[in-house]
Amino acid sequence: MQFVLFPVRYSSNILIQRRFSLSSSKRNVFKSLFDHFQYARKAKQAAQQRGIDLSNLTAEQQIKFKPILRLKSAFRVVNVTMGLMAIIATSVWYKRRRKQIKSGKQIDDELKPIWMDLKYFKHKGAAIGNYLLPEQIVGKLNQVKNFQFNQSDCICASFPKSGTTLIQEIVYLIQTNFDYESAKGKDISDRYSFMEWPTVNLQQLSSNPTNKPRFFKTHLPPEFFNDTFKKTKVIYVYRNPKDVTVSLFHFLRSINIELTYSGPWNQFVQSFLIDEVYYAPWWRHLNDYHSLNDSIFCVAYEDLLPNFRPTVRRLAAYLGKEKELTEEQLDKLET
C-alpha cells in the first residue's frame, strides 16, 4: 500500500509543497517517516513564527494549511498502527518464549542433558546418555526418537568427516538405477535429509509416506533411534581417527556454520582425545554401529577407494540391487 503526505515549508513569498512516497519499494519506510516529521516540524515552527495557531484556524486557513492537517492525521494513523504492531510482536514473542521454556523443561525432564562449555567451541555441548551432542540438535532428539522409518529408507550414518558425502552419492546412484541427471539436478543436501538438524522438517516427511526410498543422513549413534531404524538400509562409514581429526578441525574452522571452532590445532587434538568434541566419543560411536553389523552395512573409508568395485558390489547386494548392476555402470561410477 502506498500513501502520500504533503509536508510544507515556507519561503519568504510562497508556501512550498514537497511530495514524498512512503512506498517501501522506493525507500526505507522509517527514513521516510523521519523526513516527513522533520518537514512537519519546520512547517509548524514557521506557522508559529507568523503567529498562526494551528488548533484554531479559520476556514480560509484550513484550506491553506490542509497539507499540514493531513500530515497530522496521517501520523496519528501511523502511531496507532505502530502501537498495534508492537502489541502483536510482543504477544508473538511471549508465546514463542513460553513454548521454548516448555520445550526446555520437557528436554530437561526426559533427556536430562548435562550442559558443558567446550573450550574454543562457539556453542555448548550436551552430555546425553553415552555421547556429547551439539546443543542445536537437543530439541530435535524427541522427534528423531519417534520418527517411523520404512523398510525402503536408506540411512547413511557416520561420525562427522568420515567420508559421508562419497558414500551418500554411491548409495543414491545405486538406488536410483544410476540416474546421474537427477543427482546433478539437486544438491546432495536436498536429496538427503539431515535428520537431527533443526531445519529439517521430520513431521512433513512422516506425513508424506511413499513407496520410494527416502534418503537420510545422520551423525547420531543408534541409541537415539527407535526399533524401526534397524529395519531400514543403514550404511555406516568409518575412518581412521587421525584423518577424522584433521578433516574435522579444518572443516569447523573454514566455513561459517553454527558448530564453529576457533582454537588451535593442538588444543583440538586434546579435545578429541578426551571426548570433548561433538558426537564423541569416536570409539563408542564406531563400536555401537559395529554391534549391528549383522543387519547394517559397515565400510571403512580407507577400504572404499582401493577396493572400489568389490565394495560397490557388496553394497549393491545389501541394497538388493546386485542383479541390476552392470559393468558399464561400474566403469562410469569408477571414473
C-alpha atoms as a PDB file:
ATOM      1  CA  MET A   1       0.000   0.000   0.000  1.00  0.00           C
ATOM      2  CA  GLN A   2       1.265   3.491  -0.862  1.00  0.00           C
ATOM      3  CA  PHE A   3       0.100   6.794   0.526  1.00  0.00           C
ATOM      4  CA  VAL A   4       1.352  10.331   0.007  1.00  0.00           C
ATOM      5  CA  LEU A   5       1.881  13.018   2.629  1.00  0.00           C
ATOM      6  CA  PHE A   6       2.313  16.703   1.902  1.00  0.00           C
ATOM      7  CA  PRO A   7       4.565  18.329   4.491  1.00  0.00           C
ATOM      8  CA  VAL A   8       5.094  22.023   3.883  1.00  0.00           C
ATOM      9  CA  ARG A   9       7.688  24.701   4.456  1.00  0.00           C
ATOM     10  CA  TYR A  10       7.742  28.423   3.949  1.00  0.00           C
ATOM     11  CA  SER A  11       9.870  30.611   1.754  1.00  0.00           C
ATOM     12  CA  SER A  12       9.683  34.368   2.140  1.00  0.00           C
ATOM     13  CA  ASN A  13       6.982  34.568  -0.525  1.00  0.00           C
ATOM     14  CA  ILE A  14       5.092  31.332  -1.062  1.00  0.00           C
ATOM     15  CA  LEU A  15       4.099  28.062   0.563  1.00  0.00           C
ATOM     16  CA  ILE A  16       6.171  25.218  -0.931  1.00  0.00           C
ATOM     17  CA  GLN A  17       4.716  21.721  -1.005  1.00  0.00           C
ATOM     18  CA  ARG A  18       7.096  18.754  -1.015  1.00  0.00           C
ATOM     19  CA  ARG A  19       5.789  15.342  -2.026  1.00  0.00           C
ATOM     20  CA  PHE A  20       7.097  12.076  -0.565  1.00  0.00           C
ATOM     21  CA  SER A  21       6.126   8.471  -1.098  1.00  0.00           C
ATOM     22  CA  LEU A  22       6.155   6.042   1.799  1.00  0.00           C
ATOM     23  CA  SER A  23       6.387   3.057  -0.528  1.00  0.00           C
ATOM     24  CA  SER A  24       8.887   0.633   0.967  1.00  0.00           C
ATOM     25  CA  SER A  25       9.897  -0.384  -2.556  1.00  0.00           C
ATOM     26  CA  LYS A  26      11.360   3.082  -3.146  1.00  0.00           C
ATOM     27  CA  ARG A  27      12.986   3.886   0.150  1.00  0.00           C
ATOM     28  CA  ASN A  28      13.230   2.808   3.725  1.00  0.00           C
ATOM     29  CA  VAL A  29       9.892   3.362   5.464  1.00  0.00           C
ATOM     30  CA  PHE A  30      11.374   4.619   8.698  1.00  0.00           C
ATOM     31  CA  LYS A  31      13.661   7.060   6.876  1.00  0.00           C
ATOM     32  CA  SER A  32      10.623   8.386   5.017  1.00  0.00           C
ATOM     33  CA  LEU A  33       8.710   8.853   8.261  1.00  0.00           C
ATOM     34  CA  PHE A  34      11.650  10.704   9.764  1.00  0.00           C
ATOM     35  CA  ASP A  35      11.865  13.016   6.734  1.00  0.00           C
ATOM     36  CA  HIS A  36       8.152  13.752   6.964  1.00  0.00           C
ATOM     37  CA  PHE A  37       8.445  14.509  10.649  1.00  0.00           C
ATOM     38  CA  GLN A  38      11.323  16.917  10.067  1.00  0.00           C
ATOM     39  CA  TYR A  39       9.422  18.911   7.419  1.00  0.00           C
ATOM     40  CA  ALA A  40       6.278  18.918   9.536  1.00  0.00           C
ATOM     41  CA  ARG A  41       8.235  20.296  12.488  1.00  0.00           C
ATOM     42  CA  LYS A  42       9.731  23.064  10.351  1.00  0.00           C
ATOM     43  CA  ALA A  43       6.315  23.927   8.913  1.00  0.00           C
ATOM     44  CA  LYS A  44       4.837  24.119  12.408  1.00  0.00           C
ATOM     45  CA  GLN A  45       7.673  26.368  13.586  1.00  0.00           C
ATOM     46  CA  ALA A  46       7.192  28.629  10.568  1.00  0.00           C
ATOM     47  CA  ALA A  47       3.469  28.880  11.310  1.00  0.00           C
ATOM     48  CA  GLN A  48       4.136  29.722  14.956  1.00  0.00           C
ATOM     49  CA  GLN A  49       6.610  32.423  13.944  1.00  0.00           C
ATOM     50  CA  ARG A  50       3.813  34.016  11.932  1.00  0.00           C
ATOM     51  CA  GLY A  51       1.541  33.880  14.951  1.00  0.00           C
ATOM     52  CA  ILE A  52      -0.739  31.201  13.495  1.00  0.00           C
ATOM     53  CA  ASP A  53      -2.472  28.832  15.939  1.00  0.00           C
ATOM     54  CA  LEU A  54      -2.879  25.507  14.134  1.00  0.00           C
ATOM     55  CA  SER A  55      -5.516  24.383  16.630  1.00  0.00           C
ATOM     56  CA  ASN A  56      -7.745  27.397  15.923  1.00  0.00           C
ATOM     57  CA  LEU A  57      -7.781  28.037  12.186  1.00  0.00           C
ATOM     58  CA  THR A  58     -10.259  29.950  10.106  1.00  0.00           C
ATOM     59  CA  ALA A  59     -11.928  28.301   7.122  1.00  0.00           C
ATOM     60  CA  GLU A  60      -9.509  30.049   4.776  1.00  0.00           C
ATOM     61  CA  GLN A  61      -6.508  28.966   6.863  1.00  0.00           C
ATOM     62  CA  GLN A  62      -7.778  25.383   6.993  1.00  0.00           C
ATOM     63  CA  ILE A  63      -7.747  25.272   3.200  1.00  0.00           C
ATOM     64  CA  LYS A  64      -4.298  26.838   3.090  1.00  0.00           C
ATOM     65  CA  PHE A  65      -2.881  24.539   5.769  1.00  0.00           C
ATOM     66  CA  LYS A  66      -4.653  21.400   4.556  1.00  0.00           C
ATOM     67  CA  PRO A  67      -1.332  19.584   3.829  1.00  0.00           C
ATOM     68  CA  ILE A  68      -0.180  20.057   7.433  1.00  0.00           C
ATOM     69  CA  LEU A  69      -3.521  18.879   8.811  1.00  0.00           C
ATOM     70  CA  ARG A  70      -3.353  15.803   6.575  1.00  0.00           C
ATOM     71  CA  LEU A  71       0.114  15.113   7.872  1.00  0.00           C
ATOM     72  CA  LYS A  72      -1.128  15.351  11.451  1.00  0.00           C
ATOM     73  CA  SER A  73      -3.909  12.839  10.762  1.00  0.00           C
ATOM     74  CA  ALA A  74      -1.533  10.537   8.908  1.00  0.00           C
ATOM     75  CA  PHE A  75       0.902  10.462  11.813  1.00  0.00           C
ATOM     76  CA  ARG A  76      -1.947   9.662  14.172  1.00  0.00           C
ATOM     77  CA  VAL A  77      -2.742   6.625  11.999  1.00  0.00           C
ATOM     78  CA  VAL A  78       0.941   5.687  11.886  1.00  0.00           C
ATOM     79  CA  ASN A  79       1.243   5.905  15.671  1.00  0.00           C
ATOM     80  CA  VAL A  80      -1.818   3.698  16.188  1.00  0.00           C
ATOM     81  CA  THR A  81      -0.554   1.199  13.590  1.00  0.00           C
ATOM     82  CA  MET A  82       2.903   1.005  15.123  1.00  0.00           C
ATOM     83  CA  GLY A  83       1.347   0.587  18.564  1.00  0.00           C
ATOM     84  CA  LEU A  84      -0.730  -2.355  17.329  1.00  0.00           C
ATOM     85  CA  MET A  85       2.333  -3.861  15.646  1.00  0.00           C
ATOM     86  CA  ALA A  86       4.258  -3.578  18.913  1.00  0.00           C
ATOM     87  CA  ILE A  87       1.436  -5.318  20.811  1.00  0.00           C
ATOM     88  CA  ILE A  88       1.259  -8.128  18.229  1.00  0.00           C
ATOM     89  CA  ALA A  89       5.053  -8.550  18.183  1.00  0.00           C
ATOM     90  CA  THR A  90       5.166  -8.698  21.985  1.00  0.00           C
ATOM     91  CA  SER A  91       2.361 -11.270  22.028  1.00  0.00           C
ATOM     92  CA  VAL A  92       4.114 -13.450  19.430  1.00  0.00           C
ATOM     93  CA  TRP A  93       7.411 -13.216  21.315  1.00  0.00           C
ATOM     94  CA  TYR A  94       5.699 -14.124  24.589  1.00  0.00           C
ATOM     95  CA  LYS A  95       4.031 -17.204  23.062  1.00  0.00           C
ATOM     96  CA  ARG A  96       7.280 -18.352  21.467  1.00  0.00           C
ATOM     97  CA  ARG A  97       9.144 -17.789  24.700  1.00  0.00           C
ATOM     98  CA  ARG A  98       6.588 -19.840  26.657  1.00  0.00           C
ATOM     99  CA  LYS A  99       6.896 -22.604  24.067  1.00  0.00           C
ATOM    100  CA  GLN A 100      10.696 -22.530  24.367  1.00  0.00           C
ATOM    101  CA  ILE A 101      10.515 -22.696  28.164  1.00  0.00           C
ATOM    102  CA  LYS A 102       8.044 -25.591  27.992  1.00  0.00           C
ATOM    103  CA  SER A 103      10.198 -27.364  25.416  1.00  0.00           C
ATOM    104  CA  GLY A 104      13.308 -26.760  27.509  1.00  0.00           C
ATOM    105  CA  LYS A 105      11.615 -28.183  30.612  1.00  0.00           C
ATOM    106  CA  GLN A 106      10.490 -31.238  28.640  1.00  0.00           C
ATOM    107  CA  ILE A 107      14.039 -31.751  27.371  1.00  0.00           C
ATOM    108  CA  ASP A 108      15.452 -31.445  30.886  1.00  0.00           C
ATOM    109  CA  ASP A 109      12.864 -33.888  32.278  1.00  0.00           C
ATOM    110  CA  GLU A 110      13.163 -36.543  29.564  1.00  0.00           C
ATOM    111  CA  LEU A 111      16.730 -36.341  28.264  1.00  0.00           C
ATOM    112  CA  LYS A 112      18.425 -34.944  31.385  1.00  0.00           C
ATOM    113  CA  PRO A 113      21.285 -33.290  29.466  1.00  0.00           C
ATOM    114  CA  ILE A 114      24.424 -32.177  31.270  1.00  0.00           C
ATOM    115  CA  TRP A 115      25.417 -28.903  29.621  1.00  0.00           C
ATOM    116  CA  MET A 116      29.125 -28.342  29.057  1.00  0.00           C
ATOM    117  CA  ASP A 117      31.155 -25.336  27.935  1.00  0.00           C
ATOM    118  CA  LEU A 118      33.598 -26.663  25.354  1.00  0.00           C
ATOM    119  CA  LYS A 119      36.890 -24.832  25.005  1.00  0.00           C
ATOM    120  CA  TYR A 120      37.067 -22.737  21.805  1.00  0.00           C
ATOM    121  CA  PHE A 121      33.697 -24.033  20.554  1.00  0.00           C
ATOM    122  CA  LYS A 122      31.073 -21.413  19.787  1.00  0.00           C
ATOM    123  CA  HIS A 123      28.219 -23.393  21.363  1.00  0.00           C
ATOM    124  CA  LYS A 124      27.799 -25.692  24.311  1.00  0.00           C
ATOM    125  CA  GLY A 125      27.724 -29.447  24.262  1.00  0.00           C
ATOM    126  CA  ALA A 126      25.072 -31.608  25.898  1.00  0.00           C
ATOM    127  CA  ALA A 127      26.111 -34.877  27.507  1.00  0.00           C
ATOM    128  CA  ILE A 128      23.144 -37.196  26.918  1.00  0.00           C
ATOM    129  CA  GLY A 129      23.409 -40.904  27.503  1.00  0.00           C
ATOM    130  CA  ASN A 130      26.843 -42.009  26.347  1.00  0.00           C
ATOM    131  CA  TYR A 131      27.514 -39.101  23.986  1.00  0.00           C
ATOM    132  CA  LEU A 132      28.311 -35.401  23.764  1.00  0.00           C
ATOM    133  CA  LEU A 133      25.972 -33.688  21.304  1.00  0.00           C
ATOM    134  CA  PRO A 134      25.722 -30.150  19.875  1.00  0.00           C
ATOM    135  CA  GLU A 135      23.235 -28.012  21.773  1.00  0.00           C
ATOM    136  CA  GLN A 136      21.478 -27.076  18.497  1.00  0.00           C
ATOM    137  CA  ILE A 137      20.128 -30.583  17.964  1.00  0.00           C
ATOM    138  CA  VAL A 138      18.991 -31.399  21.506  1.00  0.00           C
ATOM    139  CA  GLY A 139      15.496 -30.027  20.929  1.00  0.00           C
ATOM    140  CA  LYS A 140      15.140 -32.314  17.902  1.00  0.00           C
ATOM    141  CA  LEU A 141      16.006 -35.592  19.625  1.00  0.00           C
ATOM    142  CA  ASN A 142      12.446 -36.467  20.662  1.00  0.00           C
ATOM    143  CA  GLN A 143      11.270 -36.096  17.054  1.00  0.00           C
ATOM    144  CA  VAL A 144      14.130 -38.299  15.888  1.00  0.00           C
ATOM    145  CA  LYS A 145      13.305 -40.912  18.525  1.00  0.00           C
ATOM    146  CA  ASN A 146       9.655 -41.051  17.449  1.00  0.00           C
ATOM    147  CA  PHE A 147      10.261 -40.977  13.696  1.00  0.00           C
ATOM    148  CA  GLN A 148       8.915 -44.054  11.901  1.00  0.00           C
ATOM    149  CA  PHE A 149      11.175 -45.403   9.178  1.00  0.00           C
ATOM    150  CA  ASN A 150      10.106 -47.523   6.218  1.00  0.00           C
ATOM    151  CA  GLN A 151      11.909 -50.653   5.067  1.00  0.00           C
ATOM    152  CA  SER A 152      12.765 -48.908   1.806  1.00  0.00           C
ATOM    153  CA  ASP A 153      14.527 -45.999   3.538  1.00  0.00           C
ATOM    154  CA  CYS A 154      18.286 -45.553   3.248  1.00  0.00           C
ATOM    155  CA  ILE A 155      20.299 -44.033   6.081  1.00  0.00           C
ATOM    156  CA  CYS A 156      23.933 -43.026   5.661  1.00  0.00           C
ATOM    157  CA  ALA A 157      25.444 -42.784   9.132  1.00  0.00           C
ATOM    158  CA  SER A 158      28.904 -41.773  10.271  1.00  0.00           C
ATOM    159  CA  PHE A 159      30.959 -39.836  12.757  1.00  0.00           C
ATOM    160  CA  PRO A 160      31.450 -36.321  11.282  1.00  0.00           C
ATOM    161  CA  LYS A 161      34.026 -36.019   8.471  1.00  0.00           C
ATOM    162  CA  SER A 162      34.387 -39.747   7.881  1.00  0.00           C
ATOM    163  CA  GLY A 163      33.638 -39.836   4.154  1.00  0.00           C
ATOM    164  CA  THR A 164      29.875 -39.444   4.393  1.00  0.00           C
ATOM    165  CA  THR A 165      29.424 -37.491   1.162  1.00  0.00           C
ATOM    166  CA  LEU A 166      31.131 -40.093  -1.028  1.00  0.00           C
ATOM    167  CA  ILE A 167      29.073 -42.984   0.320  1.00  0.00           C
ATOM    168  CA  GLN A 168      25.895 -40.890   0.029  1.00  0.00           C
ATOM    169  CA  GLU A 169      26.469 -40.339  -3.685  1.00  0.00           C
ATOM    170  CA  ILE A 170      27.180 -44.022  -4.318  1.00  0.00           C
ATOM    171  CA  VAL A 171      24.084 -45.154  -2.398  1.00  0.00           C
ATOM    172  CA  TYR A 172      21.885 -42.620  -4.184  1.00  0.00           C
ATOM    173  CA  LEU A 173      23.058 -43.710  -7.639  1.00  0.00           C
ATOM    174  CA  ILE A 174      22.601 -47.412  -6.881  1.00  0.00           C
ATOM    175  CA  GLN A 175      19.092 -46.856  -5.534  1.00  0.00           C
ATOM    176  CA  THR A 176      18.042 -44.676  -8.494  1.00  0.00           C
ATOM    177  CA  ASN A 177      19.459 -47.040 -11.128  1.00  0.00           C
ATOM    178  CA  PHE A 178      22.349 -44.630 -11.760  1.00  0.00           C
ATOM    179  CA  ASP A 179      20.209 -41.636 -12.621  1.00  0.00           C
ATOM    180  CA  TYR A 180      23.005 -39.098 -12.940  1.00  0.00           C
ATOM    181  CA  GLU A 181      20.665 -36.390 -14.207  1.00  0.00           C
ATOM    182  CA  SER A 182      18.581 -36.334 -11.032  1.00  0.00           C
ATOM    183  CA  ALA A 183      21.787 -36.370  -8.987  1.00  0.00           C
ATOM    184  CA  LYS A 184      23.099 -33.354 -10.888  1.00  0.00           C
ATOM    185  CA  GLY A 185      19.760 -31.567 -10.663  1.00  0.00           C
ATOM    186  CA  LYS A 186      19.704 -31.428  -6.860  1.00  0.00           C
ATOM    187  CA  ASP A 187      22.363 -30.684  -4.299  1.00  0.00           C
ATOM    188  CA  ILE A 188      23.143 -33.615  -2.040  1.00  0.00           C
ATOM    189  CA  SER A 189      21.747 -31.700   0.940  1.00  0.00           C
ATOM    190  CA  ASP A 190      18.388 -31.612  -0.866  1.00  0.00           C
ATOM    191  CA  ARG A 191      18.466 -35.313  -1.702  1.00  0.00           C
ATOM    192  CA  TYR A 192      19.381 -36.395   1.819  1.00  0.00           C
ATOM    193  CA  SER A 193      17.542 -35.180   4.915  1.00  0.00           C
ATOM    194  CA  PHE A 194      19.986 -34.439   7.749  1.00  0.00           C
ATOM    195  CA  MET A 195      17.808 -35.981  10.428  1.00  0.00           C
ATOM    196  CA  GLU A 196      18.884 -34.235  13.607  1.00  0.00           C
ATOM    197  CA  TRP A 197      19.448 -30.778  12.150  1.00  0.00           C
ATOM    198  CA  PRO A 198      16.838 -28.222  13.328  1.00  0.00           C
ATOM    199  CA  THR A 199      15.891 -27.003   9.838  1.00  0.00           C
ATOM    200  CA  VAL A 200      14.795 -30.465   8.644  1.00  0.00           C
ATOM    201  CA  ASN A 201      11.033 -30.983   8.999  1.00  0.00           C
ATOM    202  CA  LEU A 202      10.603 -34.599  10.090  1.00  0.00           C
ATOM    203  CA  GLN A 203       6.859 -34.158  10.627  1.00  0.00           C
ATOM    204  CA  GLN A 204       6.434 -33.275   6.977  1.00  0.00           C
ATOM    205  CA  LEU A 205       8.422 -36.355   5.969  1.00  0.00           C
ATOM    206  CA  SER A 206       6.252 -38.525   8.234  1.00  0.00           C
ATOM    207  CA  SER A 207       3.003 -37.141   6.825  1.00  0.00           C
ATOM    208  CA  ASN A 208       4.033 -37.932   3.236  1.00  0.00           C
ATOM    209  CA  PRO A 209       4.734 -41.677   3.181  1.00  0.00           C
ATOM    210  CA  THR A 210       5.970 -43.051  -0.100  1.00  0.00           C
ATOM    211  CA  ASN A 211       6.966 -46.387  -1.566  1.00  0.00           C
ATOM    212  CA  LYS A 212      10.101 -44.807  -2.981  1.00  0.00           C
ATOM    213  CA  PRO A 213      13.231 -44.950  -0.838  1.00  0.00           C
ATOM    214  CA  ARG A 214      13.800 -41.894   1.307  1.00  0.00           C
ATOM    215  CA  PHE A 215      17.390 -40.838   1.882  1.00  0.00           C
ATOM    216  CA  PHE A 216      18.641 -39.763   5.296  1.00  0.00           C
ATOM    217  CA  LYS A 217      21.942 -38.675   6.744  1.00  0.00           C
ATOM    218  CA  THR A 218      22.858 -38.729  10.422  1.00  0.00           C
ATOM    219  CA  HIS A 219      25.796 -38.499  12.785  1.00  0.00           C
ATOM    220  CA  LEU A 220      23.745 -39.777  15.708  1.00  0.00           C
ATOM    221  CA  PRO A 221      24.580 -43.178  17.214  1.00  0.00           C
ATOM    222  CA  PRO A 222      21.940 -45.963  17.191  1.00  0.00           C
ATOM    223  CA  GLU A 223      20.692 -45.362  20.750  1.00  0.00           C
ATOM    224  CA  PHE A 224      18.851 -42.198  19.660  1.00  0.00           C
ATOM    225  CA  PHE A 225      16.555 -44.066  17.232  1.00  0.00           C
ATOM    226  CA  ASN A 226      13.601 -46.410  17.752  1.00  0.00           C
ATOM    227  CA  ASP A 227      13.333 -50.018  16.579  1.00  0.00           C
ATOM    228  CA  THR A 228      12.210 -49.092  13.047  1.00  0.00           C
ATOM    229  CA  PHE A 229      15.750 -47.807  12.480  1.00  0.00           C
ATOM    230  CA  LYS A 230      17.039 -51.392  12.330  1.00  0.00           C
ATOM    231  CA  LYS A 231      14.520 -52.344   9.638  1.00  0.00           C
ATOM    232  CA  THR A 232      15.937 -49.843   7.136  1.00  0.00           C
ATOM    233  CA  LYS A 233      19.025 -49.964   4.960  1.00  0.00           C
ATOM    234  CA  VAL A 234      21.729 -48.452   7.179  1.00  0.00           C
ATOM    235  CA  ILE A 235      25.133 -47.764   5.660  1.00  0.00           C
ATOM    236  CA  TYR A 236      27.802 -46.828   8.188  1.00  0.00           C
ATOM    237  CA  VAL A 237      31.137 -45.424   7.015  1.00  0.00           C
ATOM    238  CA  TYR A 238      34.050 -45.010   9.410  1.00  0.00           C
ATOM    239  CA  ARG A 239      37.532 -43.595   9.026  1.00  0.00           C
ATOM    240  CA  ASN A 240      40.962 -43.536  10.636  1.00  0.00           C
ATOM    241  CA  PRO A 241      40.537 -41.227  13.671  1.00  0.00           C
ATOM    242  CA  LYS A 242      43.732 -39.339  12.795  1.00  0.00           C
ATOM    243  CA  ASP A 243      42.255 -38.342   9.433  1.00  0.00           C
ATOM    244  CA  VAL A 244      38.894 -37.604  11.051  1.00  0.00           C
ATOM    245  CA  THR A 245      40.567 -35.212  13.481  1.00  0.00           C
ATOM    246  CA  VAL A 246      42.446 -33.342  10.752  1.00  0.00           C
ATOM    247  CA  SER A 247      39.417 -33.088   8.466  1.00  0.00           C
ATOM    248  CA  LEU A 248      37.046 -32.071  11.261  1.00  0.00           C
ATOM    249  CA  PHE A 249      39.442 -29.393  12.538  1.00  0.00           C
ATOM    250  CA  HIS A 250      39.754 -27.716   9.137  1.00  0.00           C
ATOM    251  CA  PHE A 251      36.031 -28.069   8.464  1.00  0.00           C
ATOM    252  CA  LEU A 252      34.997 -26.355  11.699  1.00  0.00           C
ATOM    253  CA  ARG A 253      37.432 -23.501  11.134  1.00  0.00           C
ATOM    254  CA  SER A 254      36.997 -22.892   7.417  1.00  0.00           C
ATOM    255  CA  ILE A 255      33.274 -22.323   6.934  1.00  0.00           C
ATOM    256  CA  ASN A 256      30.634 -20.214   8.631  1.00  0.00           C
ATOM    257  CA  ILE A 257      28.450 -22.747  10.387  1.00  0.00           C
ATOM    258  CA  GLU A 258      26.866 -22.939  13.819  1.00  0.00           C
ATOM    259  CA  LEU A 259      29.347 -25.546  15.070  1.00  0.00           C
ATOM    260  CA  THR A 260      32.343 -23.236  14.787  1.00  0.00           C
ATOM    261  CA  TYR A 261      35.689 -23.929  16.463  1.00  0.00           C
ATOM    262  CA  SER A 262      38.207 -21.088  16.912  1.00  0.00           C
ATOM    263  CA  GLY A 263      41.045 -22.732  18.820  1.00  0.00           C
ATOM    264  CA  PRO A 264      44.488 -24.007  17.786  1.00  0.00           C
ATOM    265  CA  TRP A 265      45.238 -27.434  16.354  1.00  0.00           C
ATOM    266  CA  ASN A 266      46.961 -28.866  19.430  1.00  0.00           C
ATOM    267  CA  GLN A 267      44.001 -27.957  21.651  1.00  0.00           C
ATOM    268  CA  PHE A 268      41.574 -29.558  19.186  1.00  0.00           C
ATOM    269  CA  VAL A 269      43.562 -32.808  19.239  1.00  0.00           C
ATOM    270  CA  GLN A 270      43.457 -32.758  23.020  1.00  0.00           C
ATOM    271  CA  SER A 271      39.683 -32.181  22.972  1.00  0.00           C
ATOM    272  CA  PHE A 272      39.235 -35.085  20.553  1.00  0.00           C
ATOM    273  CA  LEU A 273      41.281 -37.421  22.750  1.00  0.00           C
ATOM    274  CA  ILE A 274      39.288 -36.615  25.893  1.00  0.00           C
ATOM    275  CA  ASP A 275      35.946 -36.895  24.046  1.00  0.00           C
ATOM    276  CA  GLU A 276      35.091 -33.186  24.180  1.00  0.00           C
ATOM    277  CA  VAL A 277      34.049 -32.684  20.564  1.00  0.00           C
ATOM    278  CA  TYR A 278      30.526 -33.029  19.175  1.00  0.00           C
ATOM    279  CA  TYR A 279      29.241 -36.621  18.759  1.00  0.00           C
ATOM    280  CA  ALA A 280      32.144 -38.007  20.815  1.00  0.00           C
ATOM    281  CA  PRO A 281      33.387 -40.474  21.855  1.00  0.00           C
ATOM    282  CA  TRP A 282      34.567 -41.655  18.456  1.00  0.00           C
ATOM    283  CA  TRP A 283      35.423 -45.195  19.621  1.00  0.00           C
ATOM    284  CA  ARG A 284      31.983 -45.779  21.182  1.00  0.00           C
ATOM    285  CA  HIS A 285      30.303 -44.404  18.058  1.00  0.00           C
ATOM    286  CA  LEU A 286      32.162 -46.986  15.986  1.00  0.00           C
ATOM    287  CA  ASN A 287      31.550 -49.867  18.404  1.00  0.00           C
ATOM    288  CA  ASP A 288      27.819 -49.175  18.736  1.00  0.00           C
ATOM    289  CA  TYR A 289      27.321 -49.346  14.978  1.00  0.00           C
ATOM    290  CA  HIS A 290      29.567 -52.378  14.599  1.00  0.00           C
ATOM    291  CA  SER A 291      27.428 -54.194  17.149  1.00  0.00           C
ATOM    292  CA  LEU A 292      24.668 -54.047  14.498  1.00  0.00           C
ATOM    293  CA  ASN A 293      26.951 -55.473  11.833  1.00  0.00           C
ATOM    294  CA  ASP A 294      24.590 -58.356  11.047  1.00  0.00           C
ATOM    295  CA  SER A 295      21.829 -56.015   9.895  1.00  0.00           C
ATOM    296  CA  ILE A 296      23.669 -52.946   8.593  1.00  0.00           C
ATOM    297  CA  PHE A 297      26.412 -52.326   6.024  1.00  0.00           C
ATOM    298  CA  CYS A 298      29.716 -51.137   7.524  1.00  0.00           C
ATOM    299  CA  VAL A 299      32.586 -49.925   5.371  1.00  0.00           C
ATOM    300  CA  ALA A 300      35.926 -48.283   6.130  1.00  0.00           C
ATOM    301  CA  TYR A 301      36.661 -45.171   4.102  1.00  0.00           C
ATOM    302  CA  GLU A 302      40.243 -46.385   3.609  1.00  0.00           C
ATOM    303  CA  ASP A 303      38.958 -49.612   2.000  1.00  0.00           C
ATOM    304  CA  LEU A 304      36.438 -47.925  -0.254  1.00  0.00           C
ATOM    305  CA  LEU A 305      38.769 -46.412  -2.859  1.00  0.00           C
ATOM    306  CA  PRO A 306      41.424 -49.162  -3.235  1.00  0.00           C
ATOM    307  CA  ASN A 307      38.715 -51.857  -3.300  1.00  0.00           C
ATOM    308  CA  PHE A 308      36.111 -49.809  -5.102  1.00  0.00           C
ATOM    309  CA  ARG A 309      34.440 -52.406  -7.333  1.00  0.00           C
ATOM    310  CA  PRO A 310      34.171 -55.213  -4.761  1.00  0.00           C
ATOM    311  CA  THR A 311      32.872 -52.739  -2.179  1.00  0.00           C
ATOM    312  CA  VAL A 312      30.243 -51.303  -4.532  1.00  0.00           C
ATOM    313  CA  ARG A 313      29.136 -54.828  -5.468  1.00  0.00           C
ATOM    314  CA  ARG A 314      28.729 -55.746  -1.797  1.00  0.00           C
ATOM    315  CA  LEU A 315      26.830 -52.516  -1.196  1.00  0.00           C
ATOM    316  CA  ALA A 316      24.547 -53.175  -4.172  1.00  0.00           C
ATOM    317  CA  ALA A 317      23.872 -56.678  -2.834  1.00  0.00           C
ATOM    318  CA  TYR A 318      22.983 -55.247   0.577  1.00  0.00           C
ATOM    319  CA  LEU A 319      20.567 -52.817  -1.108  1.00  0.00           C
ATOM    320  CA  GLY A 320      19.041 -55.625  -3.188  1.00  0.00           C
ATOM    321  CA  LYS A 321      20.367 -54.215  -6.462  1.00  0.00           C
ATOM    322  CA  GLU A 322      23.155 -56.672  -7.294  1.00  0.00           C
ATOM    323  CA  LYS A 323      21.295 -58.171 -10.272  1.00  0.00           C
ATOM    324  CA  GLU A 324      20.740 -54.741 -11.803  1.00  0.00           C
ATOM    325  CA  LEU A 325      24.370 -53.641 -11.510  1.00  0.00           C
ATOM    326  CA  THR A 326      26.269 -53.766 -14.820  1.00  0.00           C
ATOM    327  CA  GLU A 327      29.934 -53.463 -15.736  1.00  0.00           C
ATOM    328  CA  GLU A 328      29.179 -50.307 -17.714  1.00  0.00           C
ATOM    329  CA  GLN A 329      27.634 -48.704 -14.631  1.00  0.00           C
ATOM    330  CA  LEU A 330      30.656 -49.656 -12.549  1.00  0.00           C
ATOM    331  CA  ASP A 331      33.010 -48.242 -15.183  1.00  0.00           C
ATOM    332  CA  LYS A 332      31.200 -44.913 -15.219  1.00  0.00           C
ATOM    333  CA  LEU A 333      30.955 -44.775 -11.439  1.00  0.00           C
ATOM    334  CA  GLU A 334      34.643 -45.542 -11.007  1.00  0.00           C
ATOM    335  CA  THR A 335      35.723 -42.832 -13.411  1.00  0.00           C
END
